[in-house]
Amino acid sequence: METRVLSTDDPTALDEAVRLLQAGQVVAHPTDTVYGVAADSGDAAAIRRLYEAKRRPLDKAIPVLLGDLADMLKVADYVPPAAWKLAEAFWPGGLTIVLPVRPCMPAILTAGQRTIAVRLPDHDVPRELARRLGRPIAATSANISGHPSPATAEAVLAQLRGRIPLILDGGPAREGVASTIVDMSTPTPRLLREGPISAEAIARLLGEEIA
């Protein structure tokens, strides 16, 4: 497979990326944290291609990136008030929130789990991809599983050349570090990974300890 690289300044780049997503293909794109690789979150076959491109184990769920805050309701079965509070405070930005998943979402996306990880990135490209697609994109770091997460299109190409058809080059990712993940699907919030947003900031906002 030939892997093309298009600058996000190219007026045709987003149209081409959306065309590929609609056709069940996988594309890489910049975000505010690291570069991501994405597929249509509603297309089980496309999500399988995403796993294959990354050599990602099928028991590791894939998060989704939203176009707008309200898109949480397209993938989550229930959004507790505390999760809305976190979203309104830290989105768009480097916080991923784990919520109960809607039963209609493909099982391969969540690795058969009853939860889904969602984020509204502070970057126009993934948000616009989701908006044009009409639903969130399934997206995770654009690397071979277990290898370093890439902060540039060149680093994506070094790992995924020949495995995906398109990389959108938006320059270096601003953060260069993966998002903070907090699980809001249980009565007590749980920190699963600390990134740009600290556990202390989350606990302060919610007024309770984070497990």
Foldseek 3Di string as FASTA:
>chain_A
DAEDEAAPVPPCALVVVLVQQVVLFKEWEAFQAFIKIWHAQQDPSSVVLVCVLQVNDLQAAFAWEELDPVLCVVWAPDQDPLNVLCCVVAPPDQEKEKHFTDPSTDCSNGSNDRIHIYHHTPDNRQSVSCVVNVHIIRMDFLARPPDQRHQFQVVSCVGRGPSGHYYHGHDGRNNNHHGWYWYPHDPAIETPDHGPDHQVNSCVSSVHHHD
